[in-house]
Amino acid sequence: MEEKGLEVCDCFEVHEDLLKTVNDTMPEETELYDLAELFKVFGDSTRIRILFVLFEAEVCVCDLARVLNMNQSAISHQLRILKQNKLVKSRREGKSIFYSLADEHVRTIIDQGRDHIEED
């Protein structure tokens, strides 16, 4: 049976053993929500571009603004979102604030995403 281009079962049969396994392993709703929120952060190309810069070096807002050809205010806004979601960290050096990746998980998430979109 097909429903608007989507294949569906020809019958209605519930597989209780499978559903029990799924229900026993399903994370709590709050964890699912937090995960969905994290992935939303990756839904903005400017934030992805910032992360790619930070793959190469720890940089200040001035450097990010220059390399991405954007104003510092726009960069700061995106950095605030990245920092709130624990994807970047910052440190002060004199009058400058330098940003870097929070940890290697960030690179892994991006690398796996790239692998996925490049699959045949």
Protein backbone atom coordinates (compact mmCIF):
# COMPACT_ATOMS: atom_id res chain seq x y z
CA MET A 1 0.00 0.00 0.00
CA GLU A 2 1.28 3.48 -0.78
CA GLU A 3 0.12 6.73 0.79
CA LYS A 4 1.16 9.91 -1.06
CA GLY A 5 4.50 8.44 -2.16
CA LEU A 6 5.20 6.81 1.22
CA GLU A 7 5.19 3.04 1.49
CA VAL A 8 3.10 1.67 4.34
CA CYS A 9 2.18 -1.81 5.57
CA ASP A 10 -0.66 -3.66 3.83
CA CYS A 11 -1.91 -4.84 7.24
CA PHE A 12 -1.96 -3.58 10.80
CA GLU A 13 0.17 -5.81 12.99
CA VAL A 14 1.78 -4.59 16.22
CA HIS A 15 5.09 -6.24 17.11
CA GLU A 16 4.92 -6.17 20.93
CA ASP A 17 8.46 -7.53 21.50
CA LEU A 18 9.95 -4.82 19.33
CA LEU A 19 7.88 -2.10 21.01
CA LYS A 20 8.99 -3.30 24.45
CA THR A 21 12.65 -3.05 23.40
CA VAL A 22 12.07 0.44 22.00
CA ASN A 23 10.19 1.61 25.10
CA ASP A 24 12.86 0.17 27.43
CA THR A 25 15.68 1.98 25.62
CA MET A 26 13.96 5.28 24.75
CA PRO A 27 15.65 8.22 26.52
CA GLU A 28 13.63 10.50 28.81
CA GLU A 29 11.61 13.22 27.11
CA THR A 30 13.86 15.95 28.55
CA GLU A 31 16.94 14.31 27.01
CA LEU A 32 15.21 14.03 23.63
CA TYR A 33 14.23 17.70 23.85
CA ASP A 34 17.79 18.74 24.74
CA LEU A 35 19.17 16.70 21.84
CA ALA A 36 16.70 18.28 19.41
CA GLU A 37 17.68 21.74 20.69
CA LEU A 38 21.37 20.93 20.19
CA PHE A 39 20.79 19.90 16.59
CA LYS A 40 18.84 23.10 15.94
CA VAL A 41 22.04 25.00 16.69
CA PHE A 42 23.67 23.29 13.71
CA GLY A 43 20.81 24.50 11.49
CA ASP A 44 22.44 27.88 10.82
CA SER A 45 25.18 28.17 8.18
CA THR A 46 26.84 31.11 9.95
CA ARG A 47 27.31 29.03 13.09
CA ILE A 48 28.71 26.19 10.98
CA ARG A 49 31.14 28.62 9.33
CA ILE A 50 32.24 29.86 12.76
CA LEU A 51 32.86 26.28 13.88
CA PHE A 52 34.96 25.60 10.77
CA VAL A 53 37.13 28.61 11.59
CA LEU A 54 37.51 27.34 15.15
CA PHE A 55 38.59 23.92 13.83
CA GLU A 56 41.76 25.66 12.69
CA ALA A 57 42.53 28.13 15.46
CA GLU A 58 41.44 29.91 18.59
CA VAL A 59 40.32 33.35 17.42
CA CYS A 60 38.82 36.57 18.71
CA VAL A 61 35.57 38.12 17.52
CA CYS A 62 37.50 40.64 15.40
CA ASP A 63 39.22 37.82 13.50
CA LEU A 64 35.96 35.93 13.01
CA ALA A 65 34.21 39.06 11.74
CA ARG A 66 37.03 39.67 9.26
CA VAL A 67 37.34 36.12 7.93
CA LEU A 68 33.56 35.67 7.61
CA ASN A 69 33.01 39.19 6.27
CA MET A 70 30.40 40.01 8.91
CA ASN A 71 30.05 42.62 11.62
CA GLN A 72 31.14 41.87 15.19
CA SER A 73 27.61 42.19 16.53
CA ALA A 74 26.31 39.42 14.25
CA ILE A 75 29.29 37.21 15.14
CA SER A 76 28.81 37.85 18.87
CA HIS A 77 25.15 36.88 18.62
CA GLN A 78 26.04 33.53 16.99
CA LEU A 79 28.88 32.92 19.46
CA ARG A 80 26.48 33.46 22.37
CA ILE A 81 24.22 30.70 20.99
CA LEU A 82 27.19 28.38 20.44
CA LYS A 83 28.47 29.04 23.95
CA GLN A 84 25.05 28.55 25.58
CA ASN A 85 24.95 25.15 23.90
CA LYS A 86 28.45 24.26 25.12
CA LEU A 87 29.92 24.07 21.62
CA VAL A 88 32.48 26.84 22.10
CA LYS A 89 34.35 28.25 25.06
CA SER A 90 36.03 31.59 25.59
CA ARG A 91 38.92 33.10 27.46
CA ARG A 92 39.95 36.70 28.06
CA GLU A 93 43.39 37.99 27.16
CA GLY A 94 43.69 41.69 27.93
CA LYS A 95 40.89 43.43 26.06
CA SER A 96 40.29 40.52 23.69
CA ILE A 97 38.06 37.47 24.10
CA PHE A 98 39.30 34.37 22.31
CA TYR A 99 36.98 31.55 21.27
CA SER A 100 37.73 27.90 20.66
CA LEU A 101 35.85 24.64 20.33
CA ALA A 102 34.51 23.41 23.65
CA ASP A 103 35.79 19.89 22.99
CA GLU A 104 36.44 17.34 20.25
CA HIS A 105 32.79 16.22 20.23
CA VAL A 106 31.99 19.32 18.18
CA ARG A 107 34.43 18.30 15.45
CA THR A 108 33.08 14.72 15.55
CA ILE A 109 29.47 15.89 15.11
CA ILE A 110 30.42 18.03 12.10
CA ASP A 111 32.66 15.34 10.58
CA GLN A 112 29.93 12.72 10.87
CA GLY A 113 27.42 15.12 9.35
CA ARG A 114 29.78 15.72 6.42
CA ASP A 115 30.29 11.98 5.98
CA HIS A 116 26.53 11.52 5.92
CA ILE A 117 25.80 14.16 3.26
CA GLU A 118 28.67 12.90 1.07
CA GLU A 119 27.34 9.31 0.99
CA ASP A 120 26.15 8.01 -2.36
